[in-house]
Amino acid sequence: MNDKNIPKSELINAITSAQQGDETAFELLYEYYFSPLYKYVLIRTGDPQEADDLTQLVFIKFYRNLANWQDKGFAPSAYLYTVARSVLADHYRKKAKQGSKITNSEDVLLAISDKSQNPHQDVIDNEQLQLLYQNLQQLPQNYQEVLTLRYIEGLSSLEIAKIIGKNDAATRKQLSRAVAALAKKSKNYRENNI
């Protein structure tokens, strides 16, 4: 997660400045958090264009609610992921009748994977990432969410607990169960396809 690059105190100061109308501070927050939030939303929606639109909506809601934001000791990312979770919940409710999930996993993989200089390693990494992504999509939504927040976005269990509205112990238990379920899916895949 990007919180490691800019100290939390500077991010909180940027939010405070944005609350006072400093557009440059809000732009800093937007540029800093857009990519990780986009990846989170993309993994949840499976559609790059839809993820872009929904991520924009996250920032619109964040901007509209800046006056209500208070520093409660968590990284600002926890608040933004809570907003993203709310936007996704609204999105899922609207799309519930359509029943569609992933439209093109290749687009998702390209968008979330880092680019390296080793094409051979890229192929291996892409195959492993695709397998992981396929197995992740077969898990219940609550497991997908905590795994994405922990291992893709790098949030702590305490930050995830704040986002999903559970205590830290319950979140760690859910993470443990999600990891076990993902490991089981991966093992079953290897046994049936190798």
Protein backbone atom coordinates (compact mmCIF):
# COMPACT_ATOMS: atom_id res chain seq x y z
CA MET A 1 0.00 0.00 0.00
CA ASN A 2 1.17 3.50 -0.71
CA ASP A 3 0.95 4.56 2.96
CA LYS A 4 4.55 3.33 3.24
CA ASN A 5 5.82 5.96 0.79
CA ILE A 6 4.40 9.08 2.40
CA PRO A 7 4.23 9.26 6.19
CA LYS A 8 0.74 8.90 7.62
CA SER A 9 1.05 12.29 9.29
CA GLU A 10 1.62 13.98 5.91
CA LEU A 11 -1.41 12.22 4.45
CA ILE A 12 -3.53 13.34 7.39
CA ASN A 13 -2.21 16.89 6.94
CA ALA A 14 -3.19 16.70 3.26
CA ILE A 15 -6.74 15.67 4.22
CA THR A 16 -6.92 18.49 6.76
CA SER A 17 -5.75 20.96 4.11
CA ALA A 18 -8.26 19.56 1.62
CA GLN A 19 -11.00 20.02 4.23
CA GLN A 20 -10.05 23.70 4.27
CA GLY A 21 -10.40 23.97 0.50
CA ASP A 22 -6.82 23.30 -0.63
CA GLU A 23 -7.31 21.76 -4.09
CA THR A 24 -3.62 20.87 -4.40
CA ALA A 25 -3.86 18.76 -1.25
CA PHE A 26 -6.88 16.89 -2.63
CA GLU A 27 -5.03 16.34 -5.93
CA LEU A 28 -2.13 14.84 -3.96
CA LEU A 29 -4.52 12.44 -2.22
CA TYR A 30 -6.16 11.57 -5.54
CA GLU A 31 -2.86 10.84 -7.26
CA TYR A 32 -1.55 8.91 -4.28
CA TYR A 33 -4.56 6.67 -3.73
CA PHE A 34 -6.07 6.32 -7.20
CA SER A 35 -3.96 3.35 -8.35
CA PRO A 36 -4.42 1.11 -5.27
CA LEU A 37 -8.14 1.91 -5.08
CA TYR A 38 -8.51 1.26 -8.80
CA LYS A 39 -6.83 -2.15 -8.42
CA TYR A 40 -9.11 -3.01 -5.51
CA VAL A 41 -12.23 -2.03 -7.46
CA LEU A 42 -10.98 -3.73 -10.63
CA ILE A 43 -10.47 -7.03 -8.86
CA ARG A 44 -13.98 -6.78 -7.47
CA THR A 45 -15.68 -5.81 -10.76
CA GLY A 46 -13.50 -7.44 -13.41
CA ASP A 47 -14.14 -4.61 -15.86
CA PRO A 48 -11.42 -1.95 -16.33
CA GLN A 49 -13.81 0.75 -17.57
CA GLU A 50 -16.31 0.07 -14.83
CA ALA A 51 -13.49 0.05 -12.25
CA ASP A 52 -12.29 3.42 -13.51
CA ASP A 53 -15.79 4.89 -13.26
CA LEU A 54 -16.38 3.46 -9.80
CA THR A 55 -12.98 4.65 -8.55
CA GLN A 56 -13.87 8.14 -9.74
CA LEU A 57 -17.10 7.81 -7.78
CA VAL A 58 -15.11 6.85 -4.68
CA PHE A 59 -13.20 10.12 -4.91
CA ILE A 60 -16.37 12.12 -5.55
CA LYS A 61 -17.94 10.66 -2.40
CA PHE A 62 -14.71 11.21 -0.47
CA TYR A 63 -14.62 14.84 -1.58
CA ARG A 64 -18.27 15.41 -0.68
CA ASN A 65 -17.70 13.93 2.79
CA LEU A 66 -14.36 15.57 3.56
CA ALA A 67 -15.98 17.78 6.20
CA ASN A 68 -17.02 14.65 8.13
CA TRP A 69 -13.61 12.93 8.07
CA GLN A 70 -11.84 12.73 11.43
CA ASP A 71 -8.48 11.28 12.31
CA LYS A 72 -9.27 8.21 14.43
CA GLY A 73 -5.75 6.79 14.39
CA PHE A 74 -6.11 4.74 11.22
CA ALA A 75 -4.29 5.31 7.95
CA PRO A 76 -6.37 7.46 5.57
CA SER A 77 -6.48 4.48 3.22
CA ALA A 78 -8.80 2.67 5.65
CA TYR A 79 -11.37 5.44 5.21
CA LEU A 80 -11.00 5.44 1.44
CA TYR A 81 -11.38 1.66 1.23
CA THR A 82 -14.51 1.96 3.36
CA VAL A 83 -15.88 4.45 0.82
CA ALA A 84 -14.85 2.10 -2.01
CA ARG A 85 -16.57 -0.79 -0.28
CA SER A 86 -19.75 1.28 -0.02
CA VAL A 87 -19.57 2.26 -3.70
CA LEU A 88 -19.08 -1.40 -4.65
CA ALA A 89 -22.00 -2.49 -2.48
CA ASP A 90 -24.23 0.05 -4.25
CA HIS A 91 -22.87 -1.15 -7.59
CA TYR A 92 -23.54 -4.82 -6.73
CA ARG A 93 -27.09 -4.02 -5.71
CA LYS A 94 -27.71 -2.31 -9.05
CA LYS A 95 -26.13 -5.16 -11.00
CA ALA A 96 -27.64 -8.01 -8.95
CA LYS A 97 -30.17 -8.93 -11.63
CA GLN A 98 -27.53 -9.13 -14.35
CA GLY A 99 -25.50 -11.80 -12.55
CA SER A 100 -22.32 -10.99 -14.45
CA LYS A 101 -18.92 -11.19 -12.83
CA ILE A 102 -15.72 -11.14 -14.83
CA THR A 103 -15.86 -10.15 -18.45
CA ASN A 104 -12.22 -10.41 -19.40
CA SER A 105 -9.71 -11.72 -16.87
CA GLU A 106 -6.81 -10.86 -19.20
CA ASP A 107 -7.64 -7.14 -18.91
CA VAL A 108 -7.75 -7.44 -15.14
CA LEU A 109 -4.44 -9.28 -15.00
CA LEU A 110 -2.73 -6.72 -17.20
CA ALA A 111 -4.04 -3.88 -15.11
CA ILE A 112 -3.01 -5.28 -11.72
CA SER A 113 0.33 -6.88 -12.59
CA ASP A 114 3.58 -4.96 -12.47
CA LYS A 115 5.71 -4.70 -15.55
CA SER A 116 9.19 -6.22 -15.35
CA GLN A 117 12.10 -6.41 -17.73
CA ASN A 118 12.19 -10.23 -17.88
CA PRO A 119 9.70 -11.61 -20.45
CA HIS A 120 10.23 -15.24 -19.38
CA GLN A 121 9.50 -14.41 -15.75
CA ASP A 122 6.51 -12.31 -16.89
CA VAL A 123 4.97 -15.38 -18.57
CA ILE A 124 5.44 -17.52 -15.44
CA ASP A 125 4.16 -14.74 -13.18
CA ASN A 126 1.17 -14.11 -15.44
CA GLU A 127 0.22 -17.80 -15.44
CA GLN A 128 0.48 -17.96 -11.65
CA LEU A 129 -1.45 -14.71 -11.29
CA GLN A 130 -4.16 -15.98 -13.64
CA LEU A 131 -4.50 -19.20 -11.63
CA LEU A 132 -4.63 -17.23 -8.39
CA TYR A 133 -7.20 -14.86 -9.85
CA GLN A 134 -9.41 -17.71 -11.10
CA ASN A 135 -9.27 -19.43 -7.72
CA LEU A 136 -9.95 -16.15 -5.91
CA GLN A 137 -13.08 -15.56 -8.02
CA GLN A 138 -14.47 -18.91 -6.87
CA LEU A 139 -14.37 -17.90 -3.21
CA PRO A 140 -17.22 -16.17 -1.36
CA GLN A 141 -17.26 -12.37 -1.68
CA ASN A 142 -16.22 -11.80 1.94
CA TYR A 143 -13.12 -13.98 1.44
CA GLN A 144 -12.28 -12.25 -1.84
CA GLU A 145 -12.48 -8.89 -0.12
CA VAL A 146 -10.23 -9.64 2.85
CA LEU A 147 -7.65 -11.42 0.69
CA THR A 148 -7.55 -8.53 -1.76
CA LEU A 149 -7.21 -5.94 0.98
CA ARG A 150 -4.50 -7.89 2.80
CA TYR A 151 -2.35 -9.38 0.06
CA ILE A 152 -2.90 -7.11 -2.92
CA GLU A 153 -3.37 -3.79 -1.14
CA GLY A 154 -1.13 -4.64 1.80
CA LEU A 155 -3.45 -3.41 4.54
CA SER A 156 -3.09 -4.63 8.12
CA SER A 157 -5.76 -6.77 9.73
CA LEU A 158 -6.68 -3.80 11.93
CA GLU A 159 -7.21 -1.58 8.88
CA ILE A 160 -9.25 -4.31 7.19
CA ALA A 161 -11.33 -4.68 10.35
CA LYS A 162 -12.18 -0.98 10.20
CA ILE A 163 -13.19 -1.28 6.53
CA ILE A 164 -15.39 -4.36 6.91
CA GLY A 165 -16.83 -3.37 10.27
CA LYS A 166 -15.49 -6.24 12.36
CA ASN A 167 -13.05 -6.43 15.24
CA ASP A 168 -9.41 -7.36 14.65
CA ALA A 169 -9.71 -10.92 16.00
CA ALA A 170 -12.71 -11.70 13.78
CA THR A 171 -10.90 -10.22 10.80
CA ARG A 172 -7.79 -12.31 11.41
CA LYS A 173 -9.97 -15.41 11.71
CA GLN A 174 -11.73 -14.57 8.44
CA LEU A 175 -8.34 -14.00 6.76
CA SER A 176 -7.12 -17.35 8.02
CA ARG A 177 -10.21 -19.11 6.69
CA ALA A 178 -9.94 -17.27 3.37
CA VAL A 179 -6.29 -18.28 2.95
CA ALA A 180 -7.18 -21.90 3.76
CA ALA A 181 -10.04 -21.85 1.24
CA LEU A 182 -7.79 -20.35 -1.45
CA ALA A 183 -5.07 -22.92 -0.72
CA LYS A 184 -7.64 -25.71 -1.01
CA LYS A 185 -8.88 -24.35 -4.37
CA SER A 186 -5.29 -24.12 -5.63
CA LYS A 187 -4.49 -27.66 -4.42
CA ASN A 188 -7.62 -29.05 -6.09
CA TYR A 189 -6.71 -27.30 -9.32
CA ARG A 190 -3.16 -28.72 -9.28
CA GLU A 191 -4.42 -32.24 -8.52
CA ASN A 192 -6.97 -32.14 -11.34
CA ASN A 193 -4.82 -30.40 -13.98
CA ILE A 194 -1.26 -31.61 -13.47
